[in-house]
Protein backbone atom coordinates (compact mmCIF):
# COMPACT_ATOMS: atom_id res chain seq x y z
CA MET A 1 32.37 13.01 20.36
CA LYS A 2 29.90 11.06 22.49
CA PRO A 3 25.91 11.22 22.49
CA PRO A 4 23.77 12.45 24.86
CA PRO A 5 22.96 10.30 27.41
CA PHE A 6 19.80 7.65 26.42
CA ASP A 7 17.71 4.70 27.72
CA TYR A 8 18.49 1.65 25.59
CA HIS A 9 16.04 -1.30 24.81
CA ALA A 10 16.79 -4.75 23.01
CA PRO A 11 13.58 -6.63 22.42
CA ARG A 12 13.65 -9.62 21.01
CA THR A 13 10.11 -10.21 19.42
CA LEU A 14 8.44 -7.57 16.52
CA GLY A 15 5.68 -7.03 19.18
CA GLU A 16 7.89 -6.68 22.18
CA ALA A 17 9.29 -3.75 19.62
CA LEU A 18 6.04 -1.78 18.55
CA ASP A 19 4.77 -1.89 22.67
CA VAL A 20 8.42 -0.33 23.25
CA LEU A 21 7.75 1.99 20.25
CA ALA A 22 4.31 3.06 21.08
CA GLY A 23 5.27 3.85 24.95
CA THR A 24 8.20 5.58 23.55
CA GLY A 25 6.47 7.27 21.34
CA GLU A 26 8.30 10.78 19.61
CA HIS A 27 11.32 10.44 21.99
CA GLY A 28 11.74 6.63 20.62
CA LYS A 29 14.33 6.11 17.72
CA VAL A 30 15.32 2.70 15.96
CA LEU A 31 18.44 1.25 15.64
CA ALA A 32 19.22 -1.29 13.05
CA GLY A 33 22.58 -0.53 10.92
CA GLY A 34 23.23 2.56 12.61
CA GLN A 35 25.32 4.06 9.76
CA SER A 36 23.32 7.32 10.14
CA LEU A 37 22.22 7.50 13.01
CA ILE A 38 24.93 6.82 15.46
CA PRO A 39 27.18 9.55 13.95
CA LEU A 40 24.28 11.99 13.96
CA MET A 41 24.17 10.89 17.64
CA ASN A 42 27.56 11.12 18.19
CA MET A 43 27.99 15.21 16.89
CA ARG A 44 24.70 15.90 18.57
CA LEU A 45 22.16 16.72 15.42
CA ALA A 46 20.19 13.79 17.28
CA ALA A 47 19.79 13.35 20.71
CA PRO A 48 16.55 10.26 21.15
CA ALA A 49 15.81 9.97 24.76
CA HIS A 50 15.10 6.28 24.05
CA LEU A 51 17.04 3.70 21.51
CA VAL A 52 15.38 0.90 20.30
CA ASP A 53 17.87 -2.00 19.14
CA VAL A 54 16.10 -4.05 16.35
CA ASN A 55 18.48 -6.58 15.38
CA ARG A 56 17.66 -9.36 18.00
CA LEU A 57 14.09 -9.50 15.93
CA GLY A 58 13.72 -12.85 13.83
CA GLY A 59 12.19 -12.81 10.24
CA LEU A 60 13.40 -9.02 9.50
CA ALA A 61 16.36 -9.88 7.35
CA ALA A 62 14.98 -12.01 4.22
CA VAL A 63 15.03 -10.75 1.01
CA GLU A 64 12.29 -12.00 -0.63
CA THR A 65 11.81 -12.68 -4.45
CA GLY A 66 9.02 -12.81 -6.83
CA PRO A 67 7.32 -12.54 -10.39
CA ASP A 68 5.86 -9.51 -9.07
CA GLY A 69 9.42 -7.71 -7.28
CA VAL A 70 11.38 -7.86 -4.21
CA ARG A 71 10.72 -7.60 -0.75
CA VAL A 72 13.43 -6.41 1.62
CA GLY A 73 13.63 -7.02 5.15
CA ALA A 74 14.04 -4.58 8.02
CA LEU A 75 18.00 -6.09 9.07
CA ALA A 76 18.75 -6.89 5.43
CA ARG A 77 21.76 -5.26 4.84
CA HIS A 78 22.99 -3.45 1.69
CA ALA A 79 25.52 -6.07 1.12
CA GLN A 80 23.31 -9.06 1.01
CA VAL A 81 20.59 -6.93 -1.40
CA GLU A 82 23.44 -6.73 -3.61
CA ARG A 83 24.67 -9.96 -3.45
CA SER A 84 21.09 -11.44 -4.02
CA ALA A 85 21.63 -13.64 -7.90
CA GLY A 86 17.51 -13.39 -7.39
CA ALA A 87 16.80 -9.75 -6.61
CA ALA A 88 19.43 -8.46 -9.09
CA ALA A 89 17.24 -11.14 -12.18
CA VAL A 90 13.86 -9.94 -10.42
CA GLN A 91 15.11 -5.96 -10.63
CA PRO A 92 18.77 -5.12 -11.84
CA LEU A 93 18.50 -1.33 -10.94
CA LEU A 94 18.84 -2.80 -6.85
CA ARG A 95 22.40 -3.82 -7.65
CA GLN A 96 23.21 -1.24 -9.98
CA ALA A 97 22.56 1.55 -7.29
CA LEU A 98 23.96 -0.50 -4.70
CA ARG A 99 27.54 -0.89 -5.67
CA LEU A 100 27.58 3.04 -5.35
CA VAL A 101 26.04 3.01 -1.59
CA ALA A 102 29.13 4.36 0.21
CA HIS A 103 31.97 1.67 1.26
CA PRO A 104 31.91 -2.38 1.53
CA VAL A 105 32.21 -1.66 5.60
CA ILE A 106 29.21 0.33 5.36
CA ARG A 107 27.18 -1.57 3.14
CA ASN A 108 28.20 -4.73 5.02
CA ARG A 109 26.33 -2.98 8.07
CA GLY A 110 24.10 -0.60 6.80
CA THR A 111 20.22 -1.58 5.98
CA ALA A 112 18.67 -0.78 2.98
CA VAL A 113 15.02 -0.38 4.53
CA GLY A 114 17.17 2.09 6.85
CA SER A 115 18.78 4.22 4.13
CA LEU A 116 15.23 4.77 3.12
CA VAL A 117 13.72 5.61 6.19
CA HIS A 118 16.93 8.02 6.71
CA ALA A 119 15.52 9.60 3.52
CA ASP A 120 18.27 11.44 2.50
CA PRO A 121 17.81 12.94 -1.21
CA ALA A 122 21.64 12.56 -1.99
CA ALA A 123 21.28 8.51 -1.71
CA GLU A 124 20.50 6.13 -4.19
CA LEU A 125 18.06 3.79 -2.71
CA PRO A 126 15.18 6.13 -2.38
CA ALA A 127 15.61 7.11 -5.83
CA VAL A 128 15.01 4.07 -6.98
CA LEU A 129 12.22 3.39 -4.59
CA ALA A 130 10.57 6.21 -6.20
CA LEU A 131 11.71 5.60 -9.63
CA LEU A 132 10.22 1.85 -9.79
CA GLY A 133 7.05 2.83 -7.68
CA GLY A 134 7.76 0.84 -4.66
CA SER A 135 6.64 1.25 -1.22
CA VAL A 136 7.80 1.16 2.29
CA ARG A 137 5.78 -1.43 5.14
CA LEU A 138 5.30 0.58 8.45
CA ALA A 139 4.01 -1.51 11.54
CA ARG A 140 2.33 -0.37 14.28
CA ARG A 141 0.49 -2.24 17.55
CA GLY A 142 -2.52 -2.66 16.19
CA GLY A 143 -1.64 -3.32 12.64
CA THR A 144 0.09 -1.89 9.32
CA ARG A 145 0.38 0.35 6.21
CA ASP A 146 2.03 0.14 3.18
CA VAL A 147 3.31 3.87 1.94
CA ALA A 148 3.81 4.43 -1.35
CA ALA A 149 7.36 5.99 -2.74
CA GLY A 150 5.63 9.31 -4.01
CA GLU A 151 4.06 9.85 -0.36
CA PHE A 152 6.99 8.31 1.67
CA PHE A 153 9.36 11.18 1.12
CA THR A 154 7.91 14.18 2.78
CA GLY A 155 11.04 16.29 2.78
CA PRO A 156 15.19 16.08 3.59
CA LEU A 157 15.56 13.73 6.49
CA GLU A 158 11.49 13.12 6.60
CA SER A 159 9.48 10.90 6.01
CA ALA A 160 6.08 9.49 6.75
CA LEU A 161 7.07 7.00 9.10
CA ARG A 162 5.22 8.21 12.21
CA PRO A 163 6.14 7.88 15.88
CA GLY A 164 5.38 4.49 17.53
CA GLU A 165 5.87 2.92 14.02
CA LEU A 166 8.52 0.83 12.76
CA ALA A 167 9.48 0.35 9.03
CA VAL A 168 9.62 -3.67 8.68
CA SER A 169 10.42 -3.80 4.96
CA ALA A 170 10.29 -2.31 1.17
CA PHE A 171 9.23 -3.67 -1.79
CA PHE A 172 10.45 -2.60 -5.13
CA PRO A 173 8.08 -3.68 -8.43
CA ALA A 174 9.30 -6.10 -10.89
CA LEU A 175 11.30 -5.08 -13.80
CA PRO A 176 8.50 -4.65 -17.02
CA ALA A 177 9.22 -6.88 -20.20
CA ARG A 178 11.49 -5.33 -22.84
CA SER A 179 12.69 -2.86 -20.11
CA GLY A 180 16.41 -2.02 -18.68
CA THR A 181 17.38 0.17 -16.50
CA ALA A 182 20.73 2.15 -15.06
CA PHE A 183 22.49 4.21 -12.74
CA ARG A 184 25.12 7.05 -12.80
CA GLU A 185 26.21 9.44 -10.60
CA VAL A 186 29.50 11.36 -9.59
CA SER A 187 31.25 12.21 -6.63
CA ARG A 188 34.26 13.70 -5.11
CA ARG A 189 35.46 9.92 -4.27
CA HIS A 190 34.11 6.45 -4.66
CA GLY A 191 31.93 6.25 -1.88
CA ASP A 192 31.18 9.85 -0.94
CA TYR A 193 27.40 11.31 -1.31
CA ALA A 194 26.60 11.81 -4.83
CA LEU A 195 27.24 15.89 -6.28
CA ALA A 196 24.65 14.58 -8.36
CA GLY A 197 22.93 11.14 -9.73
CA VAL A 198 20.53 9.66 -11.82
CA ALA A 199 18.62 6.40 -11.65
CA ALA A 200 17.05 5.66 -15.29
CA LEU A 201 14.13 3.04 -16.45
CA VAL A 202 13.49 2.86 -19.96
CA ARG A 203 10.67 0.85 -21.33
CA LEU A 204 10.50 -0.15 -25.17
CA ASP A 205 6.96 -1.83 -27.03
CA GLY A 206 6.69 -4.47 -29.52
CA ASP A 207 8.63 -2.56 -32.66
CA LEU A 208 11.43 -1.67 -29.76
CA ARG A 209 10.45 1.68 -30.04
CA VAL A 210 10.99 4.01 -26.71
CA ALA A 211 7.31 3.56 -25.12
CA GLU A 212 8.23 4.39 -21.64
CA ALA A 213 11.19 6.70 -20.60
CA ARG A 214 11.86 8.03 -16.37
CA ALA A 215 14.27 9.18 -14.63
CA ALA A 216 14.91 10.04 -10.83
CA CYS A 217 17.23 12.29 -9.66
CA VAL A 218 19.79 12.09 -6.67
CA SER A 219 20.93 15.67 -4.72
CA ALA A 220 18.51 17.37 -7.24
CA GLY A 221 16.04 18.37 -4.53
CA PRO A 222 14.50 18.04 -1.10
CA VAL A 223 13.08 14.60 -2.30
CA PRO A 224 14.17 12.03 -4.93
CA VAL A 225 12.46 13.99 -7.89
CA VAL A 226 11.09 11.89 -10.61
CA VAL A 227 10.79 13.26 -14.06
CA ASP A 228 9.30 11.37 -17.22
CA VAL A 229 10.63 12.35 -20.38
CA THR A 230 8.85 10.10 -22.33
CA ALA A 231 7.28 12.61 -24.38
CA ALA A 232 10.62 14.16 -25.51
CA CYS A 233 11.51 10.71 -26.81
CA GLY A 234 8.78 10.57 -29.58
CA ALA A 235 8.75 7.28 -29.72
CA ALA A 236 11.98 6.21 -31.37
CA PRO A 237 13.33 3.83 -31.98
CA ALA A 238 16.00 2.93 -28.77
CA GLY A 239 19.38 4.01 -30.70
CA ALA A 240 17.74 6.94 -31.96
CA ALA A 241 15.86 8.51 -29.24
CA ASP A 242 16.85 12.27 -28.06
CA TRP A 243 18.26 11.49 -24.69
CA GLU A 244 19.94 15.17 -25.03
CA ALA A 245 16.30 16.36 -25.68
CA ALA A 246 15.25 14.14 -22.25
CA ALA A 247 17.97 15.78 -20.30
CA ARG A 248 16.86 18.78 -21.04
CA ALA A 249 13.60 18.19 -19.81
CA VAL A 250 15.14 16.53 -16.63
CA ARG A 251 17.32 19.91 -15.84
CA GLU A 252 14.14 22.04 -16.38
CA ARG A 253 12.32 19.87 -13.56
CA ILE A 254 15.05 19.64 -10.93
CA GLU A 255 15.34 22.48 -8.08
CA PRO A 256 19.21 21.72 -6.74
CA GLU A 257 20.62 24.08 -4.55
CA ASP A 258 24.24 25.97 -4.06
CA ASP A 259 26.24 24.00 -0.90
CA ILE A 260 30.09 23.90 0.01
CA HIS A 261 30.53 21.09 -2.56
CA ALA A 262 28.74 22.33 -5.45
CA THR A 263 26.59 25.03 -7.10
CA ALA A 264 22.66 24.72 -8.17
CA HIS A 265 24.01 25.56 -11.62
CA TYR A 266 26.86 23.38 -11.77
CA ARG A 267 24.47 20.58 -10.20
CA ARG A 268 21.62 21.22 -12.66
CA HIS A 269 24.16 20.55 -15.74
CA LEU A 270 25.93 18.05 -14.13
CA THR A 271 22.66 16.03 -13.73
CA GLY A 272 21.72 16.43 -17.25
CA VAL A 273 24.39 14.82 -18.39
CA LEU A 274 24.11 11.91 -16.23
CA ALA A 275 20.14 11.76 -17.33
CA ALA A 276 21.24 10.98 -20.72
CA GLN A 277 24.25 8.75 -20.14
CA ALA A 278 21.85 6.88 -17.92
CA LEU A 279 19.02 6.85 -20.14
CA ARG A 280 20.99 5.88 -23.30
CA GLU A 281 22.06 2.94 -20.93
CA ALA A 282 19.01 1.66 -19.77
CA ALA A 283 17.80 1.73 -23.65
CA ARG A 284 20.36 0.17 -24.56
CA ALA A 285 19.74 -2.76 -21.53
CA ALA A 286 16.22 -2.88 -22.86
CA ALA A 287 16.68 -4.03 -26.25
CA GLU A 288 19.35 -5.97 -25.45
CA ASN A 289 16.55 -7.55 -22.90
CA ALA A 290 14.41 -7.64 -25.42
CA GLY A 291 16.12 -9.93 -27.91
CA GLU A 292 16.91 -12.03 -25.27
CA ASN A 293 12.99 -12.89 -24.61
CA ALA A 294 13.04 -12.97 -28.42
CA ALA A 295 15.47 -15.25 -29.08
CA GLY A 296 14.17 -17.56 -26.04
CA ARG A 297 11.27 -17.82 -27.38
CA ALA A 298 11.96 -18.70 -30.65
CA GLY A 299 13.94 -21.82 -29.25
CA GLU A 300 10.94 -22.45 -27.00
CA GLN A 301 9.11 -22.42 -30.38
CA ALA A 302 11.78 -24.96 -32.36
CA ALA A 303 11.72 -27.69 -29.07
CA GLY A 304 8.15 -27.61 -29.55
CA ARG A 305 8.27 -28.37 -33.21
CA ALA A 306 11.11 -30.49 -32.94
CA ALA A 307 9.47 -32.36 -30.15
CA ALA A 308 6.04 -32.65 -31.99
CA ASP A 309 8.01 -34.08 -35.08
CA ALA A 310 9.41 -36.62 -32.72
CA ALA A 311 6.04 -37.58 -31.39
CA GLY A 312 4.99 -37.73 -35.37
CA ARG A 313 7.80 -40.24 -36.52
CA GLU A 314 7.50 -41.90 -33.66
CA GLY A 315 3.72 -42.79 -34.11
CA ALA A 316 4.11 -43.25 -37.71
CA HIS A 317 6.67 -46.20 -37.02
CA GLY A 318 4.31 -47.65 -34.50
């Protein structure tokens, strides 16, 4: 099938792109990766009068990492973020989730920010952003605004993006100390949208007890559903927490629907199973990270003592 007629725009600067979007308003649609938009247009499910291709804009393809988190530019492809060692070190959930997104050929072209703007509740990255409490930066002629994940996703395939705005980046906060993450999903075939999926984050306290546990559910409602299950864990040690109780808490919060792929009852059950698995895996990762941090501090202290002893011996000989 072919898309309906449209006017094509290929701006070469961000300012030019924002001017075009301001002029086209609700009749304009941004083209970045196009892995969702083009099929929708070909099936006549989307019919923008103006297509604004932003692939020529410089500076929007960066993946920037820092102690506070990872900022992903609008033109950074899934594969680019997935392969970024810096991004994986700062926030490992990004790589864990992106490995499950579609197929390599799609990840090579599709963009992370585009997936967020598409706002499909069956997609992985919206759940990741919601779980981490990230944000999306939106630019328009005359200014920018940052929208928190909890306010960005407003419904199935609906976001807080307004006519005339361009999503220029997304921010994923760094993994806290003594924390771990995991992502589990089930699909009919690898690369298909998940029948159900769960992103999990577990943070431990200094005694390696569960201080925080949260899960974000895929295909469980009109937007990503984030459930705080900390109370269900009862501040238990990471290896002895009641993750089945946490799974029950997740099942009670979600509102899946029947469709041609699965019943709501099956999705609710499956989401609970995946929640228990993902939370348990995240807790193990948190314990390992806590152990590595403790070993690292011990090594630094031992090296400091050795250096002090060496300096003392040299002083004595002098």
